[in-house]
Each structure stands twice: as structure tokens, then as C-alpha cells.
């Protein structure tokens, strides 16, 4: 699934749409997305000029957008349940290796817990198979109300 298809799943748009494509989807279990970190990304000029590093908050946001895409794909059989997905909590996030322009980051999410109120995902960002960030994200679906979602 490519960039236009991602746009049909989540409400984000440039410059905040950070997911480029979907690599794998396992219904009820998880999703892997791909992000090509661009040399002209909006944060490159100011986040460590001369040696840019993707901010951890944007790595987390990319993982959260992967969760949102998963939730949208899970609800495709019942379009009435499609809603905004909100990040409620990040737990035990660790940023192990830097992600820089020119790298291709894969974001893998696996659902660990599901309830009526929220879902918990084990998340991991990798570059060339090496872990760059990992942790857990808790997200919730809410009816669209015109406020910003993750």
C-alpha cells in the first residue's frame, strides 16, 4: 500500500504524514510500515544542524500513525466504526540508535491488548534490521469531532 492509500486511512497530511507505505498487515495482530527519511524533511535544518537526527517525538509519531493505520484497516469491514485514533500513553519508549536523513525506517506494531476503551501496542522502529526505538503505545478510537488526532 502506497502513500495515497495511507492518506485514505489516516487524517494526516504533509508535512505531518510520516508513513510512506505499508509493508505487511496481519489482521488482528499487527502492521509494518515504511518511512524513507528525507533530506528535506521539515526538521532536518534545525535538529542538530550539520548532523541531523530525527527527533524521538517524530519516531514516536510515526509509530502512532502506524497504529492508526492498523486500527483503520481493522475497521474496514464496518465503516461505521471508523473514527479518529488518539495516542493516550507511551510507555517504556527507548531510543537506541539515531535515525538520520537518507535512512529507511520500518515501524512494526503488534497489538498486545484490546478493550472497548483502548488498545495497547508493542512498537519497534528499525533501520536495516537494527532496532532504533522500542516501547509500548496505548491508543483509543473516538468519534471524529474536528480535533487533531495522532
N, C-alpha and C. Protein backbone atom coordinates (compact mmCIF):
# COMPACT_ATOMS: atom_id res chain seq x y z
N UNK A 1 0.86 -1.18 0.00
CA UNK A 1 0.00 0.00 0.00
C UNK A 1 0.90 1.23 0.00
N UNK A 2 0.61 2.18 -0.87
CA UNK A 2 1.49 3.33 -1.04
C UNK A 2 0.93 4.60 -0.40
N UNK A 3 1.64 5.70 -0.62
CA UNK A 3 1.33 6.99 0.00
C UNK A 3 -0.14 7.41 -0.16
N UNK A 4 -0.72 7.40 -1.38
CA UNK A 4 -2.14 7.80 -1.49
C UNK A 4 -3.07 6.91 -0.67
N UNK A 5 -2.76 5.62 -0.60
CA UNK A 5 -3.60 4.71 0.17
C UNK A 5 -3.50 5.00 1.67
N UNK A 6 -2.30 5.35 2.14
CA UNK A 6 -2.13 5.72 3.55
C UNK A 6 -3.02 6.92 3.85
N UNK A 7 -3.05 7.89 2.94
CA UNK A 7 -3.86 9.10 3.13
C UNK A 7 -5.34 8.77 3.25
N UNK A 8 -5.75 7.64 2.69
CA UNK A 8 -7.16 7.26 2.81
C UNK A 8 -7.46 6.61 4.16
N UNK A 9 -6.41 6.19 4.87
CA UNK A 9 -6.60 5.51 6.15
C UNK A 9 -6.52 6.45 7.36
N UNK A 10 -5.62 7.43 7.30
CA UNK A 10 -5.41 8.31 8.45
C UNK A 10 -5.53 9.76 8.00
N UNK A 11 -5.86 10.68 8.91
CA UNK A 11 -6.14 12.05 8.52
C UNK A 11 -4.92 12.94 8.29
N UNK A 12 -3.75 12.46 8.54
CA UNK A 12 -2.55 13.28 8.46
C UNK A 12 -2.22 13.66 7.02
N UNK A 13 -1.64 14.85 6.86
CA UNK A 13 -1.21 15.35 5.57
C UNK A 13 0.16 15.99 5.72
N UNK A 14 0.81 16.23 4.59
CA UNK A 14 2.13 16.84 4.59
C UNK A 14 2.09 18.17 5.34
N UNK A 15 3.03 18.43 6.21
CA UNK A 15 4.27 17.71 6.45
C UNK A 15 4.18 16.68 7.58
N UNK A 16 3.01 16.45 8.14
CA UNK A 16 2.91 15.55 9.30
C UNK A 16 2.54 14.12 8.95
N UNK A 17 2.29 13.80 7.70
CA UNK A 17 2.09 12.41 7.32
C UNK A 17 3.47 11.79 7.17
N UNK A 18 3.84 10.95 8.12
CA UNK A 18 5.20 10.43 8.19
C UNK A 18 5.34 9.02 7.64
N UNK A 19 4.25 8.31 7.46
CA UNK A 19 4.28 6.95 6.94
C UNK A 19 4.19 7.00 5.41
N UNK A 20 5.11 6.31 4.73
CA UNK A 20 5.13 6.29 3.27
C UNK A 20 4.36 5.11 2.68
N UNK A 21 4.49 3.94 3.28
CA UNK A 21 3.83 2.76 2.72
C UNK A 21 3.64 1.69 3.79
N UNK A 22 2.77 0.75 3.45
CA UNK A 22 2.54 -0.40 4.33
C UNK A 22 3.27 -1.59 3.73
N UNK A 23 4.08 -2.23 4.55
CA UNK A 23 4.86 -3.39 4.10
C UNK A 23 4.09 -4.68 4.34
N UNK A 24 3.63 -4.88 5.58
CA UNK A 24 2.88 -6.10 5.90
C UNK A 24 1.73 -5.76 6.84
N UNK A 25 0.66 -6.53 6.70
CA UNK A 25 -0.51 -6.39 7.57
C UNK A 25 -0.95 -7.79 7.97
N UNK A 26 -1.14 -7.98 9.25
CA UNK A 26 -1.65 -9.24 9.77
C UNK A 26 -2.91 -8.93 10.57
N UNK A 27 -4.07 -9.28 9.99
CA UNK A 27 -5.36 -8.94 10.60
C UNK A 27 -5.41 -9.40 12.06
N UNK A 28 -5.83 -8.47 12.92
CA UNK A 28 -5.97 -8.76 14.34
C UNK A 28 -4.67 -8.78 15.12
N UNK A 29 -3.54 -8.68 14.42
CA UNK A 29 -2.26 -8.81 15.09
C UNK A 29 -1.38 -7.58 15.01
N UNK A 30 -1.05 -7.14 13.77
CA UNK A 30 -0.11 -6.03 13.67
C UNK A 30 0.11 -5.54 12.26
N UNK A 31 1.04 -4.61 12.13
CA UNK A 31 1.29 -3.93 10.87
C UNK A 31 2.75 -3.47 10.85
N UNK A 32 3.33 -3.46 9.66
CA UNK A 32 4.66 -2.89 9.47
C UNK A 32 4.56 -1.83 8.38
N UNK A 33 5.07 -0.63 8.67
CA UNK A 33 5.08 0.45 7.68
C UNK A 33 6.52 0.85 7.38
N UNK A 34 6.66 1.61 6.30
CA UNK A 34 7.98 2.07 5.86
C UNK A 34 7.96 3.59 5.73
N UNK A 35 9.02 4.21 6.22
CA UNK A 35 9.21 5.65 6.08
C UNK A 35 10.62 5.91 5.56
N UNK A 36 10.70 6.54 4.39
CA UNK A 36 12.00 6.96 3.86
C UNK A 36 12.28 8.35 4.44
N UNK A 37 13.29 8.43 5.27
CA UNK A 37 13.59 9.69 5.95
C UNK A 37 14.30 10.62 4.96
N UNK A 38 13.63 11.69 4.61
CA UNK A 38 14.07 12.58 3.54
C UNK A 38 15.08 13.62 4.01
N UNK A 39 15.98 13.97 3.08
CA UNK A 39 16.95 15.04 3.35
C UNK A 39 16.26 16.40 3.49
N UNK A 40 15.06 16.53 2.94
CA UNK A 40 14.36 17.82 3.01
C UNK A 40 13.18 17.79 3.99
N UNK A 41 13.19 16.84 4.93
CA UNK A 41 12.15 16.81 5.97
C UNK A 41 12.18 18.12 6.76
N UNK A 42 11.02 18.54 7.23
CA UNK A 42 10.90 19.86 7.88
C UNK A 42 11.80 20.04 9.09
N UNK A 43 12.23 18.99 9.74
CA UNK A 43 13.01 19.08 10.97
C UNK A 43 14.52 19.07 10.73
N UNK A 44 14.95 18.71 9.51
CA UNK A 44 16.37 18.50 9.24
C UNK A 44 17.22 19.74 9.51
N UNK A 45 16.78 20.90 9.06
CA UNK A 45 17.57 22.13 9.22
C UNK A 45 17.86 22.49 10.66
N UNK A 46 16.93 22.23 11.56
CA UNK A 46 17.08 22.74 12.91
C UNK A 46 17.39 21.72 13.99
N UNK A 47 17.32 20.41 13.70
CA UNK A 47 17.57 19.42 14.74
C UNK A 47 18.97 18.86 14.55
N UNK A 48 19.91 19.52 15.19
CA UNK A 48 21.34 19.23 15.10
C UNK A 48 21.87 19.55 13.70
N UNK A 49 21.88 20.85 13.35
CA UNK A 49 22.40 21.26 12.03
C UNK A 49 23.79 20.68 11.75
N UNK A 50 23.95 20.19 10.54
CA UNK A 50 25.21 19.58 10.15
C UNK A 50 25.29 18.10 10.46
N UNK A 51 24.47 17.64 11.39
CA UNK A 51 24.40 16.22 11.75
C UNK A 51 22.97 15.91 12.19
N UNK A 52 21.99 16.04 11.27
CA UNK A 52 20.58 15.92 11.66
C UNK A 52 20.20 14.52 12.14
N UNK A 53 19.40 14.50 13.18
CA UNK A 53 18.88 13.27 13.75
C UNK A 53 17.37 13.44 13.91
N UNK A 54 16.62 12.44 13.47
CA UNK A 54 15.16 12.50 13.59
C UNK A 54 14.78 12.57 15.07
N UNK A 55 13.97 13.57 15.45
CA UNK A 55 13.58 13.68 16.86
C UNK A 55 12.80 12.46 17.32
N UNK A 56 13.04 12.05 18.56
CA UNK A 56 12.34 10.90 19.13
C UNK A 56 10.83 11.07 19.09
N UNK A 57 10.36 12.29 19.28
CA UNK A 57 8.92 12.52 19.24
C UNK A 57 8.36 12.23 17.86
N UNK A 58 9.14 12.44 16.80
CA UNK A 58 8.66 12.14 15.44
C UNK A 58 8.75 10.64 15.14
N UNK A 59 9.72 9.96 15.73
CA UNK A 59 9.75 8.49 15.61
C UNK A 59 8.51 7.93 16.30
N UNK A 60 8.21 8.44 17.49
CA UNK A 60 7.01 8.01 18.21
C UNK A 60 5.76 8.32 17.41
N UNK A 61 5.69 9.50 16.80
CA UNK A 61 4.55 9.87 15.97
C UNK A 61 4.39 8.92 14.78
N UNK A 62 5.50 8.53 14.17
CA UNK A 62 5.43 7.59 13.05
C UNK A 62 4.88 6.24 13.51
N UNK A 63 5.31 5.79 14.68
CA UNK A 63 4.78 4.56 15.25
C UNK A 63 3.29 4.71 15.57
N UNK A 64 2.88 5.87 16.09
CA UNK A 64 1.48 6.12 16.40
C UNK A 64 0.63 6.15 15.12
N UNK A 65 1.17 6.73 14.05
CA UNK A 65 0.45 6.72 12.77
C UNK A 65 0.30 5.30 12.24
N UNK A 66 1.29 4.46 12.50
CA UNK A 66 1.19 3.05 12.12
C UNK A 66 0.06 2.38 12.89
N UNK A 67 -0.06 2.70 14.18
CA UNK A 67 -1.18 2.18 14.99
C UNK A 67 -2.52 2.66 14.41
N UNK A 68 -2.59 3.93 14.03
CA UNK A 68 -3.82 4.49 13.47
C UNK A 68 -4.19 3.81 12.16
N UNK A 69 -3.20 3.55 11.31
CA UNK A 69 -3.46 2.85 10.04
C UNK A 69 -3.97 1.44 10.32
N UNK A 70 -3.37 0.77 11.30
CA UNK A 70 -3.82 -0.58 11.67
C UNK A 70 -5.27 -0.55 12.14
N UNK A 71 -5.60 0.39 13.00
CA UNK A 71 -6.98 0.49 13.52
C UNK A 71 -7.96 0.75 12.37
N UNK A 72 -7.58 1.59 11.41
CA UNK A 72 -8.44 1.87 10.26
C UNK A 72 -8.62 0.61 9.41
N UNK A 73 -7.53 -0.12 9.20
CA UNK A 73 -7.62 -1.35 8.40
C UNK A 73 -8.48 -2.39 9.11
N UNK A 74 -8.40 -2.44 10.43
CA UNK A 74 -9.20 -3.39 11.20
C UNK A 74 -10.69 -3.08 11.10
N UNK A 75 -11.04 -1.82 10.91
CA UNK A 75 -12.45 -1.43 10.89
C UNK A 75 -13.02 -1.35 9.48
N UNK A 76 -12.26 -1.74 8.45
CA UNK A 76 -12.73 -1.62 7.07
C UNK A 76 -13.97 -2.44 6.78
N UNK A 77 -14.18 -3.54 7.51
CA UNK A 77 -15.39 -4.34 7.30
C UNK A 77 -16.62 -3.63 7.83
N UNK A 78 -16.42 -2.66 8.72
CA UNK A 78 -17.54 -1.94 9.31
C UNK A 78 -17.21 -0.44 9.29
N UNK A 79 -17.43 0.23 8.15
CA UNK A 79 -17.05 1.64 8.03
C UNK A 79 -17.67 2.55 9.08
N UNK A 80 -18.79 2.16 9.67
CA UNK A 80 -19.42 2.99 10.69
C UNK A 80 -18.55 3.12 11.94
N UNK A 81 -17.59 2.19 12.11
CA UNK A 81 -16.74 2.24 13.30
C UNK A 81 -15.47 3.06 13.08
N UNK A 82 -15.23 3.52 11.87
CA UNK A 82 -14.03 4.31 11.59
C UNK A 82 -14.10 5.62 12.37
N UNK A 83 -13.05 5.91 13.08
CA UNK A 83 -13.00 7.10 13.93
C UNK A 83 -11.58 7.63 13.96
N UNK A 84 -11.39 8.72 14.64
CA UNK A 84 -10.05 9.24 14.88
C UNK A 84 -9.36 8.34 15.91
N UNK A 85 -8.07 8.20 15.77
CA UNK A 85 -7.28 7.42 16.72
C UNK A 85 -6.39 8.39 17.48
N UNK A 86 -6.43 8.31 18.79
CA UNK A 86 -5.69 9.23 19.65
C UNK A 86 -4.65 8.48 20.47
N UNK A 87 -3.47 9.05 20.57
CA UNK A 87 -2.43 8.49 21.41
C UNK A 87 -2.72 8.88 22.85
N UNK A 88 -2.87 7.89 23.70
CA UNK A 88 -3.17 8.14 25.11
C UNK A 88 -1.92 8.09 25.99
N UNK A 89 -1.03 7.16 25.68
CA UNK A 89 0.08 6.90 26.59
C UNK A 89 1.23 6.26 25.83
N UNK A 90 2.44 6.68 26.13
CA UNK A 90 3.62 5.97 25.64
C UNK A 90 4.34 5.45 26.89
N UNK A 91 4.73 4.19 26.83
CA UNK A 91 5.33 3.54 27.98
C UNK A 91 6.65 2.91 27.57
N UNK A 92 7.64 3.09 28.41
CA UNK A 92 8.93 2.42 28.22
C UNK A 92 9.54 2.67 26.84
N UNK A 93 9.35 3.86 26.30
CA UNK A 93 9.97 4.18 25.00
C UNK A 93 11.47 4.34 25.20
N UNK A 94 12.21 3.66 24.36
CA UNK A 94 13.66 3.73 24.38
C UNK A 94 14.14 4.09 22.98
N UNK A 95 15.04 5.04 22.90
CA UNK A 95 15.61 5.45 21.63
C UNK A 95 17.06 4.99 21.63
N UNK A 96 17.33 3.94 20.87
CA UNK A 96 18.57 3.20 20.98
C UNK A 96 19.64 3.66 19.99
N UNK A 97 19.22 3.92 18.75
CA UNK A 97 20.15 4.36 17.70
C UNK A 97 19.51 5.53 16.97
N UNK A 98 20.32 6.47 16.51
CA UNK A 98 19.76 7.61 15.79
C UNK A 98 19.23 7.22 14.41
N UNK A 99 18.20 7.95 13.98
CA UNK A 99 17.65 7.83 12.63
C UNK A 99 17.97 9.15 11.93
N UNK A 100 18.58 9.06 10.76
CA UNK A 100 19.04 10.26 10.05
C UNK A 100 18.49 10.30 8.63
N UNK A 101 18.51 11.46 8.00
CA UNK A 101 18.08 11.56 6.61
C UNK A 101 18.84 10.56 5.73
N UNK A 102 18.12 10.01 4.76
CA UNK A 102 18.69 9.01 3.87
C UNK A 102 18.43 7.58 4.33
N UNK A 103 18.00 7.42 5.56
CA UNK A 103 17.71 6.09 6.09
C UNK A 103 16.26 5.71 5.78
N UNK A 104 16.02 4.40 5.73
CA UNK A 104 14.65 3.88 5.57
C UNK A 104 14.29 3.20 6.88
N UNK A 105 13.26 3.74 7.54
CA UNK A 105 12.84 3.23 8.85
C UNK A 105 11.59 2.37 8.68
N UNK A 106 11.61 1.21 9.29
CA UNK A 106 10.43 0.35 9.34
C UNK A 106 9.83 0.45 10.73
N UNK A 107 8.51 0.60 10.79
CA UNK A 107 7.80 0.66 12.07
C UNK A 107 6.91 -0.56 12.19
N UNK A 108 7.17 -1.36 13.21
CA UNK A 108 6.41 -2.58 13.44
C UNK A 108 5.59 -2.41 14.70
N UNK A 109 4.30 -2.71 14.58
CA UNK A 109 3.43 -2.66 15.75
C UNK A 109 2.71 -3.99 15.89
N UNK A 110 2.58 -4.44 17.13
CA UNK A 110 1.84 -5.68 17.43
C UNK A 110 0.85 -5.38 18.54
N UNK A 111 -0.41 -5.72 18.31
CA UNK A 111 -1.43 -5.49 19.35
C UNK A 111 -1.20 -6.48 20.48
N UNK A 112 -1.09 -5.93 21.69
CA UNK A 112 -0.92 -6.77 22.88
C UNK A 112 -2.19 -6.88 23.69
N UNK A 113 -3.00 -5.84 23.66
CA UNK A 113 -4.21 -5.81 24.48
C UNK A 113 -5.29 -5.02 23.75
N UNK A 114 -6.52 -5.50 23.84
CA UNK A 114 -7.63 -4.82 23.19
C UNK A 114 -8.79 -4.77 24.17
N UNK A 115 -9.41 -3.58 24.28
CA UNK A 115 -10.60 -3.44 25.10
C UNK A 115 -11.55 -2.48 24.41
N UNK A 116 -12.71 -2.26 25.00
CA UNK A 116 -13.65 -1.29 24.43
C UNK A 116 -13.10 0.13 24.50
N UNK A 117 -12.23 0.40 25.47
CA UNK A 117 -11.75 1.76 25.70
C UNK A 117 -10.44 2.08 24.98
N UNK A 118 -9.55 1.09 24.81
CA UNK A 118 -8.23 1.38 24.26
C UNK A 118 -7.58 0.09 23.75
N UNK A 119 -6.50 0.28 22.99
CA UNK A 119 -5.66 -0.82 22.53
C UNK A 119 -4.22 -0.51 22.92
N UNK A 120 -3.48 -1.54 23.29
CA UNK A 120 -2.07 -1.40 23.64
C UNK A 120 -1.25 -2.12 22.58
N UNK A 121 -0.22 -1.43 22.07
CA UNK A 121 0.64 -1.99 21.04
C UNK A 121 2.08 -2.02 21.51
N UNK A 122 2.76 -3.12 21.23
CA UNK A 122 4.22 -3.18 21.37
C UNK A 122 4.76 -2.63 20.06
N UNK A 123 5.64 -1.64 20.13
CA UNK A 123 6.11 -0.94 18.93
C UNK A 123 7.63 -1.01 18.84
N UNK A 124 8.09 -0.95 17.58
CA UNK A 124 9.54 -1.04 17.34
C UNK A 124 9.84 -0.36 16.01
N UNK A 125 10.84 0.49 16.01
CA UNK A 125 11.33 1.13 14.78
C UNK A 125 12.72 0.58 14.49
N UNK A 126 12.95 0.19 13.23
CA UNK A 126 14.24 -0.37 12.86
C UNK A 126 14.77 0.29 11.58
N UNK A 127 16.07 0.27 11.43
CA UNK A 127 16.74 0.66 10.19
C UNK A 127 17.70 -0.47 9.86
N UNK A 128 17.57 -1.03 8.66
CA UNK A 128 18.41 -2.17 8.24
C UNK A 128 18.36 -3.31 9.26
N UNK A 129 17.19 -3.53 9.85
CA UNK A 129 17.02 -4.62 10.80
C UNK A 129 17.50 -4.33 12.21
N UNK A 130 18.14 -3.18 12.42
CA UNK A 130 18.64 -2.83 13.75
C UNK A 130 17.63 -1.94 14.46
N UNK A 131 17.36 -2.26 15.71
CA UNK A 131 16.37 -1.51 16.49
C UNK A 131 16.87 -0.10 16.79
N UNK A 132 16.03 0.87 16.47
CA UNK A 132 16.33 2.29 16.75
C UNK A 132 15.50 2.80 17.92
N UNK A 133 14.27 2.26 18.05
CA UNK A 133 13.38 2.67 19.14
C UNK A 133 12.41 1.52 19.42
N UNK A 134 11.99 1.45 20.69
CA UNK A 134 11.00 0.42 21.06
C UNK A 134 10.25 0.87 22.29
N UNK A 135 9.10 0.28 22.50
CA UNK A 135 8.29 0.60 23.67
C UNK A 135 6.86 0.13 23.47
N UNK A 136 5.94 0.80 24.18
CA UNK A 136 4.51 0.49 24.06
C UNK A 136 3.73 1.78 23.88
N UNK A 137 2.70 1.71 23.04
CA UNK A 137 1.79 2.83 22.85
C UNK A 137 0.38 2.37 23.14
N UNK A 138 -0.36 3.21 23.84
CA UNK A 138 -1.77 2.97 24.10
C UNK A 138 -2.56 3.98 23.31
N UNK A 139 -3.51 3.49 22.50
CA UNK A 139 -4.31 4.36 21.65
C UNK A 139 -5.79 4.07 21.88
N UNK A 140 -6.63 5.06 21.53
CA UNK A 140 -8.08 4.91 21.63
C UNK A 140 -8.73 5.47 20.38
N UNK A 141 -9.83 4.85 19.97
CA UNK A 141 -10.65 5.37 18.87
C UNK A 141 -11.76 6.21 19.48
N UNK A 142 -11.98 7.35 18.89
CA UNK A 142 -13.07 8.23 19.32
C UNK A 142 -13.78 8.73 18.08
N UNK A 143 -15.05 9.06 18.18
CA UNK A 143 -15.76 9.63 17.03
C UNK A 143 -15.08 10.91 16.58
N UNK A 144 -15.08 11.15 15.28
CA UNK A 144 -14.47 12.36 14.75
C UNK A 144 -15.23 13.58 15.25
N UNK A 145 -14.48 14.54 15.81
CA UNK A 145 -15.09 15.74 16.37
C UNK A 145 -14.36 16.99 15.94
N UNK A 146 -13.55 16.91 14.90
CA UNK A 146 -12.87 18.08 14.41
C UNK A 146 -11.66 18.51 15.21
N UNK A 147 -11.12 17.62 16.05
CA UNK A 147 -9.90 17.94 16.79
C UNK A 147 -8.77 17.09 16.24
N UNK A 148 -7.55 17.53 16.49
CA UNK A 148 -6.38 16.83 15.95
C UNK A 148 -6.23 15.45 16.53
N UNK A 149 -5.96 14.48 15.70
CA UNK A 149 -5.69 13.11 16.12
C UNK A 149 -4.22 12.82 15.92
N UNK A 150 -3.79 11.63 16.35
CA UNK A 150 -2.39 11.29 16.18
C UNK A 150 -2.08 11.05 14.72
